[in-house]
């Protein structure tokens, strides 16, 4: 395959990645600003996940085919895994072990090992604080997901909704962080860090509101 053809394919992959990511951000913001639990919320959530899947695929193509910065793999895995796990949490509403969920979790663990192994060889185009916090959060989520199978069912039945909220909002804020960090590189690390702070505050707010509603407060 000629260099020109590879360049065109790479350019097309970038366009698809950016387009899907931008529309996903719009869908995610729509979800945050509208009523939760209804048909519109569910349908918009499905659109968000489909677009997130496209972002993941094009991101992986960028890393493995076009040899882009390997840290993009961690960003992609983090947002993708949070979106997948958040969806599965809503669908199963249970912490009973499922082979597919354990398999995806282990793949995420392998991606972390891949990143650590090649840590010295990657180009540090992102601020170290972002790199370490992103990697740490991915490890924390994976550790929780493997440990949740040991939580008593009677306890987990009251936790799954909060888990769903945290993971889906985090998936959105991960995409937002990657977007703002790329568009506003001159303001790094704040252009990457602040969206994550925003996502954390939004998730906490929704979880508090859910707790108050469930307990009639």
N, C-alpha and C. Protein backbone atom coordinates (compact mmCIF):
# COMPACT_ATOMS: atom_id res chain seq x y z
N UNK A 1 0.85 -1.19 0.00
CA UNK A 1 0.00 0.00 0.00
C UNK A 1 0.89 1.24 0.00
N UNK A 2 0.58 2.19 -0.86
CA UNK A 2 1.42 3.37 -1.01
C UNK A 2 1.31 4.30 0.20
N UNK A 3 2.33 5.14 0.34
CA UNK A 3 2.35 6.10 1.44
C UNK A 3 1.16 7.07 1.34
N UNK A 4 0.83 7.45 0.12
CA UNK A 4 -0.29 8.38 -0.09
C UNK A 4 -1.61 7.74 0.34
N UNK A 5 -1.79 6.45 0.01
CA UNK A 5 -3.01 5.75 0.41
C UNK A 5 -3.12 5.65 1.92
N UNK A 6 -2.00 5.30 2.57
CA UNK A 6 -1.98 5.22 4.04
C UNK A 6 -2.29 6.58 4.66
N UNK A 7 -1.76 7.63 4.06
CA UNK A 7 -2.01 8.97 4.56
C UNK A 7 -3.49 9.34 4.44
N UNK A 8 -4.10 8.97 3.33
CA UNK A 8 -5.53 9.26 3.14
C UNK A 8 -6.39 8.46 4.11
N UNK A 9 -6.02 7.20 4.33
CA UNK A 9 -6.76 6.37 5.28
C UNK A 9 -6.63 6.91 6.70
N UNK A 10 -5.43 7.35 7.03
CA UNK A 10 -5.19 7.93 8.35
C UNK A 10 -6.01 9.20 8.53
N UNK A 11 -6.05 10.02 7.50
CA UNK A 11 -6.83 11.27 7.55
C UNK A 11 -8.31 10.96 7.71
N UNK A 12 -8.81 9.96 6.98
CA UNK A 12 -10.21 9.58 7.07
C UNK A 12 -10.54 9.04 8.46
N UNK A 13 -9.60 8.28 9.02
CA UNK A 13 -9.80 7.73 10.36
C UNK A 13 -9.88 8.84 11.40
N UNK A 14 -9.05 9.85 11.24
CA UNK A 14 -9.07 10.99 12.16
C UNK A 14 -10.40 11.74 12.06
N UNK A 15 -10.87 11.96 10.83
CA UNK A 15 -12.14 12.67 10.63
C UNK A 15 -13.28 11.90 11.28
N UNK A 16 -13.32 10.58 11.06
CA UNK A 16 -14.37 9.75 11.66
C UNK A 16 -14.28 9.78 13.18
N UNK A 17 -13.07 9.71 13.70
CA UNK A 17 -12.84 9.74 15.15
C UNK A 17 -13.34 11.06 15.74
N UNK A 18 -12.99 12.17 15.12
CA UNK A 18 -13.38 13.48 15.63
C UNK A 18 -14.89 13.69 15.51
N UNK A 19 -15.45 13.28 14.37
CA UNK A 19 -16.89 13.45 14.15
C UNK A 19 -17.71 12.66 15.16
N UNK A 20 -17.36 11.38 15.31
CA UNK A 20 -18.08 10.53 16.27
C UNK A 20 -17.92 11.06 17.69
N UNK A 21 -16.71 11.49 18.03
CA UNK A 21 -16.48 12.02 19.37
C UNK A 21 -17.26 13.30 19.64
N UNK A 22 -17.34 14.17 18.65
CA UNK A 22 -18.06 15.44 18.82
C UNK A 22 -19.56 15.21 18.99
N UNK A 23 -20.12 14.32 18.17
CA UNK A 23 -21.55 14.02 18.29
C UNK A 23 -21.83 13.29 19.60
N UNK A 24 -20.89 12.44 20.02
CA UNK A 24 -21.04 11.75 21.30
C UNK A 24 -21.09 12.74 22.45
N UNK A 25 -20.28 13.79 22.38
CA UNK A 25 -20.30 14.82 23.43
C UNK A 25 -21.64 15.54 23.46
N UNK A 26 -22.20 15.80 22.29
CA UNK A 26 -23.51 16.45 22.23
C UNK A 26 -24.58 15.54 22.83
N UNK A 27 -24.52 14.25 22.47
CA UNK A 27 -25.48 13.29 23.03
C UNK A 27 -25.32 13.17 24.53
N UNK A 28 -24.06 13.13 25.00
CA UNK A 28 -23.82 13.03 26.43
C UNK A 28 -24.32 14.23 27.19
N UNK A 29 -24.09 15.42 26.65
CA UNK A 29 -24.58 16.64 27.31
C UNK A 29 -26.10 16.67 27.32
N UNK A 30 -26.71 16.18 26.25
CA UNK A 30 -28.18 16.11 26.19
C UNK A 30 -28.71 15.21 27.30
N UNK A 31 -28.04 14.08 27.51
CA UNK A 31 -28.45 13.15 28.57
C UNK A 31 -28.36 13.81 29.93
N UNK A 32 -27.29 14.56 30.15
CA UNK A 32 -27.10 15.22 31.45
C UNK A 32 -28.17 16.28 31.72
N UNK A 33 -28.65 16.92 30.66
CA UNK A 33 -29.55 18.06 30.83
C UNK A 33 -31.03 17.71 30.75
N UNK A 34 -31.35 16.45 30.45
CA UNK A 34 -32.75 16.06 30.30
C UNK A 34 -33.16 15.08 31.40
N UNK A 35 -34.46 14.81 31.46
CA UNK A 35 -34.98 13.89 32.48
C UNK A 35 -34.38 12.50 32.31
N UNK A 36 -34.14 11.84 33.45
CA UNK A 36 -33.49 10.54 33.44
C UNK A 36 -34.52 9.41 33.52
N UNK A 37 -34.19 8.29 32.87
CA UNK A 37 -34.99 7.09 33.00
C UNK A 37 -36.05 6.86 31.95
N UNK A 38 -36.40 7.90 31.19
CA UNK A 38 -37.45 7.77 30.18
C UNK A 38 -36.92 7.22 28.87
N UNK A 39 -37.82 7.10 27.88
CA UNK A 39 -37.45 6.55 26.58
C UNK A 39 -36.40 7.41 25.90
N UNK A 40 -36.56 8.74 25.98
CA UNK A 40 -35.59 9.63 25.33
C UNK A 40 -34.20 9.44 25.94
N UNK A 41 -34.16 9.30 27.25
CA UNK A 41 -32.89 9.08 27.94
C UNK A 41 -32.24 7.78 27.48
N UNK A 42 -33.03 6.73 27.40
CA UNK A 42 -32.50 5.42 26.99
C UNK A 42 -32.02 5.44 25.55
N UNK A 43 -32.82 6.04 24.66
CA UNK A 43 -32.45 6.08 23.25
C UNK A 43 -31.20 6.93 23.01
N UNK A 44 -31.13 8.06 23.69
CA UNK A 44 -29.95 8.92 23.56
C UNK A 44 -28.73 8.22 24.13
N UNK A 45 -28.94 7.47 25.21
CA UNK A 45 -27.85 6.71 25.80
C UNK A 45 -27.30 5.66 24.83
N UNK A 46 -28.19 5.01 24.09
CA UNK A 46 -27.76 4.02 23.10
C UNK A 46 -26.94 4.69 21.99
N UNK A 47 -27.40 5.87 21.56
CA UNK A 47 -26.67 6.61 20.53
C UNK A 47 -25.28 6.97 21.04
N UNK A 48 -25.21 7.42 22.29
CA UNK A 48 -23.92 7.77 22.90
C UNK A 48 -22.98 6.56 22.90
N UNK A 49 -23.49 5.39 23.27
CA UNK A 49 -22.66 4.20 23.34
C UNK A 49 -22.19 3.75 21.95
N UNK A 50 -23.06 3.88 20.94
CA UNK A 50 -22.67 3.52 19.57
C UNK A 50 -21.55 4.44 19.09
N UNK A 51 -21.71 5.73 19.34
CA UNK A 51 -20.69 6.69 18.95
C UNK A 51 -19.40 6.46 19.72
N UNK A 52 -19.54 6.11 21.00
CA UNK A 52 -18.36 5.80 21.82
C UNK A 52 -17.62 4.60 21.25
N UNK A 53 -18.37 3.61 20.78
CA UNK A 53 -17.75 2.42 20.18
C UNK A 53 -16.95 2.81 18.93
N UNK A 54 -17.49 3.74 18.15
CA UNK A 54 -16.78 4.21 16.95
C UNK A 54 -15.50 4.93 17.35
N UNK A 55 -15.60 5.75 18.40
CA UNK A 55 -14.43 6.47 18.90
C UNK A 55 -13.36 5.47 19.36
N UNK A 56 -13.80 4.42 20.06
CA UNK A 56 -12.86 3.39 20.53
C UNK A 56 -12.18 2.72 19.34
N UNK A 57 -12.98 2.29 18.36
CA UNK A 57 -12.43 1.57 17.21
C UNK A 57 -11.43 2.44 16.44
N UNK A 58 -11.81 3.67 16.13
CA UNK A 58 -10.91 4.54 15.38
C UNK A 58 -9.68 4.90 16.20
N UNK A 59 -9.86 5.00 17.54
CA UNK A 59 -8.72 5.26 18.40
C UNK A 59 -7.73 4.10 18.39
N UNK A 60 -8.24 2.88 18.44
CA UNK A 60 -7.38 1.71 18.39
C UNK A 60 -6.68 1.58 17.04
N UNK A 61 -7.41 1.92 15.98
CA UNK A 61 -6.80 1.92 14.65
C UNK A 61 -5.66 2.93 14.60
N UNK A 62 -5.88 4.09 15.19
CA UNK A 62 -4.84 5.11 15.22
C UNK A 62 -3.59 4.65 15.95
N UNK A 63 -3.78 3.90 17.04
CA UNK A 63 -2.65 3.42 17.84
C UNK A 63 -1.91 2.28 17.15
N UNK A 64 -2.66 1.25 16.73
CA UNK A 64 -2.03 0.02 16.25
C UNK A 64 -1.72 0.02 14.75
N UNK A 65 -2.50 0.73 13.96
CA UNK A 65 -2.27 0.74 12.52
C UNK A 65 -1.39 1.92 12.11
N UNK A 66 -1.72 3.10 12.63
CA UNK A 66 -1.00 4.30 12.22
C UNK A 66 0.04 4.76 13.24
N UNK A 67 0.22 3.93 14.30
CA UNK A 67 1.31 4.15 15.27
C UNK A 67 1.24 5.52 15.93
N UNK A 68 0.05 5.92 16.32
CA UNK A 68 -0.10 7.16 17.06
C UNK A 68 0.36 6.95 18.49
N UNK A 69 0.40 8.04 19.28
CA UNK A 69 0.89 7.96 20.65
C UNK A 69 0.16 6.89 21.44
N UNK A 70 0.91 6.01 22.11
CA UNK A 70 0.33 4.87 22.82
C UNK A 70 -0.55 5.27 23.98
N UNK A 71 -0.34 6.49 24.54
CA UNK A 71 -1.18 6.90 25.65
C UNK A 71 -2.63 7.06 25.22
N UNK A 72 -2.84 7.31 23.93
CA UNK A 72 -4.21 7.39 23.43
C UNK A 72 -4.94 6.07 23.68
N UNK A 73 -4.18 4.97 23.75
CA UNK A 73 -4.79 3.68 24.03
C UNK A 73 -5.42 3.68 25.43
N UNK A 74 -4.74 4.28 26.39
CA UNK A 74 -5.26 4.33 27.76
C UNK A 74 -6.50 5.21 27.83
N UNK A 75 -6.46 6.37 27.16
CA UNK A 75 -7.63 7.25 27.12
C UNK A 75 -8.81 6.52 26.49
N UNK A 76 -8.55 5.83 25.38
CA UNK A 76 -9.61 5.10 24.68
C UNK A 76 -10.17 3.98 25.53
N UNK A 77 -9.28 3.21 26.14
CA UNK A 77 -9.72 2.09 26.98
C UNK A 77 -10.51 2.59 28.18
N UNK A 78 -10.06 3.67 28.80
CA UNK A 78 -10.76 4.19 29.98
C UNK A 78 -12.19 4.59 29.66
N UNK A 79 -12.37 5.46 28.67
CA UNK A 79 -13.71 5.90 28.31
C UNK A 79 -14.57 4.75 27.81
N UNK A 80 -13.96 3.89 26.98
CA UNK A 80 -14.71 2.77 26.43
C UNK A 80 -15.12 1.78 27.51
N UNK A 81 -14.21 1.47 28.41
CA UNK A 81 -14.52 0.51 29.46
C UNK A 81 -15.57 1.07 30.41
N UNK A 82 -15.48 2.34 30.74
CA UNK A 82 -16.48 2.96 31.62
C UNK A 82 -17.86 2.93 30.96
N UNK A 83 -17.90 3.22 29.65
CA UNK A 83 -19.18 3.19 28.95
C UNK A 83 -19.76 1.79 28.91
N UNK A 84 -18.93 0.81 28.59
CA UNK A 84 -19.38 -0.58 28.54
C UNK A 84 -19.85 -1.06 29.91
N UNK A 85 -19.02 -0.84 30.93
CA UNK A 85 -19.34 -1.31 32.27
C UNK A 85 -20.58 -0.61 32.82
N UNK A 86 -20.70 0.69 32.52
CA UNK A 86 -21.89 1.42 32.97
C UNK A 86 -23.16 0.89 32.33
N UNK A 87 -23.06 0.53 31.05
CA UNK A 87 -24.21 -0.05 30.36
C UNK A 87 -24.55 -1.41 30.93
N UNK A 88 -23.55 -2.24 31.16
CA UNK A 88 -23.78 -3.58 31.70
C UNK A 88 -24.36 -3.52 33.11
N UNK A 89 -23.93 -2.54 33.87
CA UNK A 89 -24.47 -2.37 35.22
C UNK A 89 -25.97 -2.11 35.17
N UNK A 90 -26.39 -1.27 34.24
CA UNK A 90 -27.81 -0.96 34.09
C UNK A 90 -28.58 -2.17 33.57
N UNK A 91 -27.97 -2.91 32.64
CA UNK A 91 -28.67 -4.03 32.02
C UNK A 91 -28.84 -5.20 32.98
N UNK A 92 -27.81 -5.54 33.73
CA UNK A 92 -27.87 -6.71 34.61
C UNK A 92 -28.41 -6.39 35.99
N UNK A 93 -28.06 -5.18 36.49
CA UNK A 93 -28.46 -4.76 37.84
C UNK A 93 -28.10 -5.81 38.88
N UNK A 94 -26.99 -6.47 38.63
CA UNK A 94 -26.56 -7.57 39.50
C UNK A 94 -25.04 -7.66 39.47
N UNK A 95 -24.47 -8.18 40.54
CA UNK A 95 -23.03 -8.39 40.56
C UNK A 95 -22.66 -9.86 40.45
N UNK A 96 -23.58 -10.63 39.88
CA UNK A 96 -23.28 -12.04 39.62
C UNK A 96 -22.27 -12.12 38.47
N UNK A 97 -21.19 -12.90 38.63
CA UNK A 97 -20.13 -12.97 37.62
C UNK A 97 -20.65 -13.41 36.25
N UNK A 98 -20.22 -12.67 35.22
CA UNK A 98 -20.54 -13.01 33.84
C UNK A 98 -19.22 -13.13 33.07
N UNK A 99 -19.11 -14.17 32.27
CA UNK A 99 -17.85 -14.42 31.56
C UNK A 99 -17.46 -13.23 30.69
N UNK A 100 -18.42 -12.65 29.98
CA UNK A 100 -18.11 -11.55 29.07
C UNK A 100 -17.60 -10.34 29.83
N UNK A 101 -18.19 -10.06 30.99
CA UNK A 101 -17.76 -8.91 31.78
C UNK A 101 -16.37 -9.12 32.35
N UNK A 102 -16.10 -10.32 32.85
CA UNK A 102 -14.77 -10.62 33.38
C UNK A 102 -13.74 -10.55 32.26
N UNK A 103 -14.10 -11.04 31.07
CA UNK A 103 -13.19 -11.00 29.93
C UNK A 103 -12.82 -9.58 29.53
N UNK A 104 -13.83 -8.70 29.45
CA UNK A 104 -13.56 -7.31 29.10
C UNK A 104 -12.71 -6.64 30.16
N UNK A 105 -12.98 -6.94 31.42
CA UNK A 105 -12.19 -6.37 32.51
C UNK A 105 -10.73 -6.81 32.40
N UNK A 106 -10.50 -8.09 32.12
CA UNK A 106 -9.14 -8.60 31.99
C UNK A 106 -8.42 -7.98 30.79
N UNK A 107 -9.16 -7.73 29.72
CA UNK A 107 -8.56 -7.05 28.56
C UNK A 107 -8.11 -5.64 28.94
N UNK A 108 -8.89 -4.98 29.78
CA UNK A 108 -8.52 -3.65 30.26
C UNK A 108 -7.26 -3.72 31.11
N UNK A 109 -7.16 -4.77 31.92
CA UNK A 109 -5.95 -4.97 32.73
C UNK A 109 -4.73 -5.16 31.83
N UNK A 110 -4.90 -5.94 30.77
CA UNK A 110 -3.80 -6.15 29.83
C UNK A 110 -3.38 -4.84 29.17
N UNK A 111 -4.36 -3.98 28.88
CA UNK A 111 -4.02 -2.69 28.27
C UNK A 111 -3.18 -1.84 29.22
N UNK A 112 -3.48 -1.93 30.52
CA UNK A 112 -2.69 -1.21 31.51
C UNK A 112 -1.27 -1.75 31.54
N UNK A 113 -1.14 -3.08 31.50
CA UNK A 113 0.18 -3.71 31.48
C UNK A 113 0.95 -3.29 30.24
N UNK A 114 0.25 -3.21 29.10
CA UNK A 114 0.88 -2.78 27.86
C UNK A 114 1.43 -1.36 28.01
N UNK A 115 0.63 -0.50 28.60
CA UNK A 115 1.05 0.89 28.77
C UNK A 115 2.27 0.98 29.69
N UNK A 116 2.24 0.24 30.80
CA UNK A 116 3.35 0.28 31.74
C UNK A 116 4.64 -0.26 31.11
N UNK A 117 4.51 -1.31 30.31
CA UNK A 117 5.67 -1.93 29.69
C UNK A 117 6.37 -0.98 28.72
N UNK A 118 5.54 -0.26 27.96
CA UNK A 118 6.10 0.66 26.97
C UNK A 118 6.17 2.10 27.46
N UNK A 119 6.10 2.26 28.77
CA UNK A 119 6.04 3.59 29.36
C UNK A 119 7.19 4.48 28.91
N UNK A 120 8.38 3.94 28.85
CA UNK A 120 9.55 4.74 28.53
C UNK A 120 9.63 5.12 27.06
N UNK A 121 8.96 4.36 26.22
CA UNK A 121 9.10 4.58 24.78
C UNK A 121 8.02 5.47 24.18
N UNK A 122 6.94 5.78 24.95
CA UNK A 122 5.86 6.58 24.39
C UNK A 122 6.24 8.06 24.41
N UNK A 123 5.65 8.81 23.53
CA UNK A 123 5.85 10.25 23.52
C UNK A 123 4.92 10.92 24.51
N UNK A 124 5.46 11.65 25.46
CA UNK A 124 4.64 12.25 26.52
C UNK A 124 4.03 13.56 26.03
N UNK A 125 3.02 13.45 25.17
CA UNK A 125 2.38 14.66 24.65
C UNK A 125 1.35 15.19 25.63
N UNK A 126 1.04 14.40 26.68
CA UNK A 126 0.09 14.82 27.70
C UNK A 126 0.85 15.15 28.97
N UNK A 127 0.27 16.02 29.80
CA UNK A 127 0.90 16.37 31.07
C UNK A 127 1.00 15.14 31.96
N UNK A 128 2.12 14.97 32.69
CA UNK A 128 2.28 13.81 33.57
C UNK A 128 1.13 13.63 34.56
N UNK A 129 0.61 14.74 35.09
CA UNK A 129 -0.50 14.64 36.05
C UNK A 129 -1.72 13.99 35.42
N UNK A 130 -1.95 14.25 34.14
CA UNK A 130 -3.07 13.65 33.43
C UNK A 130 -2.80 12.17 33.16
N UNK A 131 -1.56 11.88 32.78
CA UNK A 131 -1.20 10.49 32.48
C UNK A 131 -1.38 9.61 33.71
N UNK A 132 -0.82 10.05 34.84
CA UNK A 132 -0.87 9.22 36.04
C UNK A 132 -2.27 9.13 36.63
N UNK A 133 -3.01 10.23 36.60
CA UNK A 133 -4.37 10.20 37.14
C UNK A 133 -5.28 9.34 36.28
N UNK A 134 -5.12 9.39 34.97
CA UNK A 134 -5.93 8.56 34.06
C UNK A 134 -5.63 7.09 34.27
N UNK A 135 -4.35 6.76 34.32
CA UNK A 135 -3.94 5.38 34.55
C UNK A 135 -4.44 4.90 35.92
N UNK A 136 -4.31 5.75 36.93
CA UNK A 136 -4.75 5.39 38.28
C UNK A 136 -6.24 5.15 38.35
N UNK A 137 -7.01 5.98 37.65
CA UNK A 137 -8.46 5.82 37.69
C UNK A 137 -8.88 4.53 36.99
N UNK A 138 -8.21 4.22 35.88
CA UNK A 138 -8.52 2.98 35.17
C UNK A 138 -8.23 1.77 36.07
N UNK A 139 -7.11 1.79 36.76
CA UNK A 139 -6.77 0.71 37.67
C UNK A 139 -7.79 0.60 38.79
N UNK A 140 -8.23 1.75 39.32
CA UNK A 140 -9.20 1.77 40.42
C UNK A 140 -10.54 1.18 39.98
N UNK A 141 -10.99 1.54 38.77
CA UNK A 141 -12.27 1.03 38.27
C UNK A 141 -12.20 -0.47 38.03
N UNK A 142 -11.11 -0.91 37.42
CA UNK A 142 -10.94 -2.34 37.15
C UNK A 142 -10.88 -3.12 38.47
N UNK A 143 -10.17 -2.58 39.46
CA UNK A 143 -10.08 -3.24 40.76
C UNK A 143 -11.45 -3.36 41.41
N UNK A 144 -12.23 -2.28 41.34
CA UNK A 144 -13.58 -2.32 41.90
C UNK A 144 -14.44 -3.36 41.18
N UNK A 145 -14.36 -3.37 39.86
CA UNK A 145 -15.21 -4.28 39.10
C UNK A 145 -14.89 -5.75 39.37
N UNK A 146 -13.63 -6.04 39.65
CA UNK A 146 -13.27 -7.40 40.01
C UNK A 146 -13.67 -7.71 41.46
N UNK A 147 -13.65 -6.68 42.29
CA UNK A 147 -13.98 -6.88 43.70
C UNK A 147 -15.47 -6.86 44.00
N UNK A 148 -16.27 -6.28 43.10
CA UNK A 148 -17.70 -6.16 43.38
C UNK A 148 -18.40 -7.51 43.43
N UNK A 149 -17.78 -8.54 42.84
CA UNK A 149 -18.39 -9.86 42.88
C UNK A 149 -18.42 -10.45 44.29
N UNK A 150 -17.65 -9.84 45.18
CA UNK A 150 -17.61 -10.31 46.56
C UNK A 150 -18.53 -9.50 47.47
N UNK A 151 -19.20 -8.49 46.89
CA UNK A 151 -20.16 -7.70 47.67
C UNK A 151 -21.45 -8.50 47.81
N UNK A 152 -21.99 -8.60 49.01
CA UNK A 152 -23.25 -9.34 49.19
C UNK A 152 -24.34 -8.79 48.26
N UNK A 153 -25.12 -9.69 47.69
CA UNK A 153 -26.18 -9.30 46.76
C UNK A 153 -27.15 -8.33 47.41
N UNK A 154 -27.44 -8.53 48.68
CA UNK A 154 -28.39 -7.66 49.38
C UNK A 154 -27.86 -6.23 49.53
N UNK A 155 -26.53 -6.10 49.47
CA UNK A 155 -25.92 -4.78 49.55
C UNK A 155 -25.82 -4.16 48.15
N UNK A 156 -25.41 -4.98 47.17
CA UNK A 156 -25.19 -4.47 45.82
C UNK A 156 -26.48 -3.97 45.17
N UNK A 157 -27.61 -4.55 45.57
CA UNK A 157 -28.88 -4.15 44.99
C UNK A 157 -29.16 -2.66 45.21
N UNK A 158 -28.51 -2.08 46.20
CA UNK A 158 -28.66 -0.65 46.48
C UNK A 158 -27.51 0.18 45.91
N UNK A 159 -26.57 -0.48 45.23
CA UNK A 159 -25.39 0.23 44.73
C UNK A 159 -25.35 0.38 43.21
N UNK A 160 -26.02 -0.52 42.48
CA UNK A 160 -25.82 -0.57 41.03
C UNK A 160 -26.18 0.73 40.33
N UNK A 161 -27.22 1.42 40.78
CA UNK A 161 -27.64 2.65 40.12
C UNK A 161 -26.58 3.75 40.28
N UNK A 162 -25.98 3.83 41.46
CA UNK A 162 -24.93 4.82 41.69
C UNK A 162 -23.69 4.48 40.84
N UNK A 163 -23.42 3.19 40.70
CA UNK A 163 -22.31 2.75 39.86
C UNK A 163 -22.56 3.14 38.41
N UNK A 164 -23.79 2.95 37.95
CA UNK A 164 -24.15 3.31 36.58
C UNK A 164 -23.95 4.81 36.35
N UNK A 165 -24.42 5.61 37.29
CA UNK A 165 -24.29 7.07 37.16
C UNK A 165 -22.83 7.47 37.07
N UNK A 166 -22.02 6.98 38.01
CA UNK A 166 -20.61 7.36 38.05
C UNK A 166 -19.86 6.96 36.78
N UNK A 167 -20.10 5.75 36.30
CA UNK A 167 -19.36 5.27 35.14
C UNK A 167 -19.76 5.98 33.85
N UNK A 168 -21.06 6.23 33.67
CA UNK A 168 -21.50 6.89 32.44
C UNK A 168 -21.07 8.35 32.40
N UNK A 169 -21.17 9.03 33.54
CA UNK A 169 -20.72 10.43 33.58
C UNK A 169 -19.21 10.48 33.38
N UNK A 170 -18.49 9.51 33.95
CA UNK A 170 -17.03 9.47 33.79
C UNK A 170 -16.64 9.20 32.35
N UNK A 171 -17.39 8.35 31.67
CA UNK A 171 -17.12 8.09 30.25
C UNK A 171 -17.28 9.37 29.44
N UNK A 172 -18.33 10.14 29.76
CA UNK A 172 -18.56 11.41 29.08
C UNK A 172 -17.44 12.41 29.38
N UNK A 173 -17.08 12.54 30.66
CA UNK A 173 -16.05 13.51 31.03
C UNK A 173 -14.68 13.11 30.47
N UNK A 174 -14.45 11.78 30.29
CA UNK A 174 -13.21 11.33 29.67
C UNK A 174 -13.11 11.80 28.23
N UNK A 175 -14.22 11.67 27.49
CA UNK A 175 -14.25 12.17 26.12
C UNK A 175 -14.07 13.68 26.08
N UNK A 176 -14.74 14.36 27.01
CA UNK A 176 -14.65 15.82 27.06
C UNK A 176 -13.23 16.27 27.35
N UNK A 177 -12.56 15.56 28.27
CA UNK A 177 -11.19 15.88 28.62
C UNK A 177 -10.25 15.71 27.43
N UNK A 178 -10.43 14.60 26.69
CA UNK A 178 -9.60 14.37 25.51
C UNK A 178 -9.84 15.45 24.46
N UNK A 179 -11.11 15.86 24.32
CA UNK A 179 -11.48 16.88 23.33
C UNK A 179 -10.87 18.23 23.68
N UNK A 180 -11.09 18.69 24.90
CA UNK A 180 -10.58 20.01 25.29
C UNK A 180 -9.06 20.03 25.36
N UNK A 181 -8.46 18.89 25.76
CA UNK A 181 -7.01 18.84 25.81
C UNK A 181 -6.38 18.92 24.44
N UNK A 182 -7.09 18.40 23.43
CA UNK A 182 -6.59 18.44 22.05
C UNK A 182 -6.84 19.80 21.40
N UNK A 183 -8.02 20.35 21.64
CA UNK A 183 -8.40 21.63 21.01
C UNK A 183 -7.69 22.81 21.67
N UNK A 184 -7.45 22.71 22.98
CA UNK A 184 -6.82 23.82 23.71
C UNK A 184 -5.51 23.36 24.36
N UNK A 185 -4.54 22.94 23.55
CA UNK A 185 -3.27 22.43 24.11
C UNK A 185 -2.49 23.50 24.89
N UNK A 186 -2.72 24.77 24.55
CA UNK A 186 -1.99 25.84 25.22
C UNK A 186 -2.41 26.01 26.67
N UNK A 187 -3.54 25.42 27.04
CA UNK A 187 -4.03 25.54 28.42
C UNK A 187 -3.84 24.26 29.23
N UNK A 188 -3.07 23.32 28.69
CA UNK A 188 -2.80 22.10 29.44
C UNK A 188 -1.95 22.41 30.68
N UNK A 189 -2.13 21.69 31.80
CA UNK A 189 -3.01 20.52 31.96
C UNK A 189 -4.45 20.86 32.33
N UNK A 190 -4.75 22.18 32.48
CA UNK A 190 -6.08 22.56 32.96
C UNK A 190 -7.18 22.20 31.96
N UNK A 191 -6.87 22.29 30.66
CA UNK A 191 -7.88 21.96 29.66
C UNK A 191 -8.22 20.48 29.67
N UNK A 192 -7.35 19.66 30.29
CA UNK A 192 -7.62 18.23 30.43
C UNK A 192 -8.14 17.90 31.83
N UNK A 193 -7.65 18.60 32.82
CA UNK A 193 -7.97 18.29 34.20
C UNK A 193 -9.35 18.79 34.61
N UNK A 194 -9.69 20.00 34.22
CA UNK A 194 -10.95 20.61 34.66
C UNK A 194 -12.19 19.84 34.19
N UNK A 195 -12.24 19.33 32.95
CA UNK A 195 -13.40 18.53 32.56
C UNK A 195 -13.60 17.30 33.44
N UNK A 196 -12.51 16.71 33.91
CA UNK A 196 -12.63 15.56 34.81
C UNK A 196 -13.19 15.98 36.15
N UNK A 197 -12.78 17.14 36.63
CA UNK A 197 -13.33 17.68 37.88
C UNK A 197 -14.81 17.97 37.71
N UNK A 198 -15.16 18.56 36.58
CA UNK A 198 -16.56 18.83 36.27
C UNK A 198 -17.37 17.55 36.28
N UNK A 199 -16.85 16.51 35.63
CA UNK A 199 -17.55 15.23 35.59
C UNK A 199 -17.74 14.64 36.97
N UNK A 200 -16.71 14.73 37.80
CA UNK A 200 -16.81 14.18 39.16
C UNK A 200 -17.88 14.91 39.96
N UNK A 201 -17.94 16.23 39.84
CA UNK A 201 -18.93 17.02 40.57
C UNK A 201 -20.34 16.70 40.08
N UNK A 202 -20.50 16.55 38.76
CA UNK A 202 -21.81 16.22 38.20
C UNK A 202 -22.26 14.84 38.68
N UNK A 203 -21.36 13.87 38.65
CA UNK A 203 -21.69 12.52 39.10
C UNK A 203 -22.10 12.52 40.57
N UNK A 204 -21.34 13.23 41.40
CA UNK A 204 -21.67 13.31 42.82
C UNK A 204 -23.04 13.96 43.02
N UNK A 205 -23.30 15.02 42.24
CA UNK A 205 -24.59 15.69 42.34
C UNK A 205 -25.75 14.78 41.99
N UNK A 206 -25.59 14.02 40.91
CA UNK A 206 -26.65 13.09 40.50
C UNK A 206 -26.84 11.97 41.52
N UNK A 207 -25.75 11.50 42.09
CA UNK A 207 -25.85 10.43 43.08
C UNK A 207 -26.53 10.92 44.36
N UNK A 208 -26.24 12.13 44.75
CA UNK A 208 -26.90 12.71 45.93
C UNK A 208 -28.39 12.88 45.67
N UNK A 209 -28.72 13.38 44.46
CA UNK A 209 -30.13 13.56 44.10
C UNK A 209 -30.86 12.22 44.06
N UNK A 210 -30.19 11.19 43.56
CA UNK A 210 -30.79 9.85 43.51
C UNK A 210 -31.02 9.31 44.91
N UNK A 211 -30.06 9.50 45.78
CA UNK A 211 -30.20 9.03 47.17
C UNK A 211 -31.36 9.73 47.86
N UNK A 212 -31.45 11.02 47.68
CA UNK A 212 -32.53 11.79 48.30
C UNK A 212 -33.90 11.34 47.76
N UNK A 213 -33.97 11.08 46.46
CA UNK A 213 -35.24 10.64 45.87
C UNK A 213 -35.62 9.27 46.36
N UNK A 214 -34.67 8.35 46.44
CA UNK A 214 -34.96 6.99 46.88
C UNK A 214 -35.37 6.93 48.34
N UNK A 215 -34.90 7.87 49.11
CA UNK A 215 -35.17 7.87 50.54
C UNK A 215 -36.21 8.92 50.95
N UNK A 216 -36.85 9.53 49.93
CA UNK A 216 -37.93 10.47 50.21
C UNK A 216 -37.48 11.72 50.95
N UNK A 217 -36.26 12.17 50.70
CA UNK A 217 -35.73 13.35 51.38
C UNK A 217 -35.97 14.63 50.58
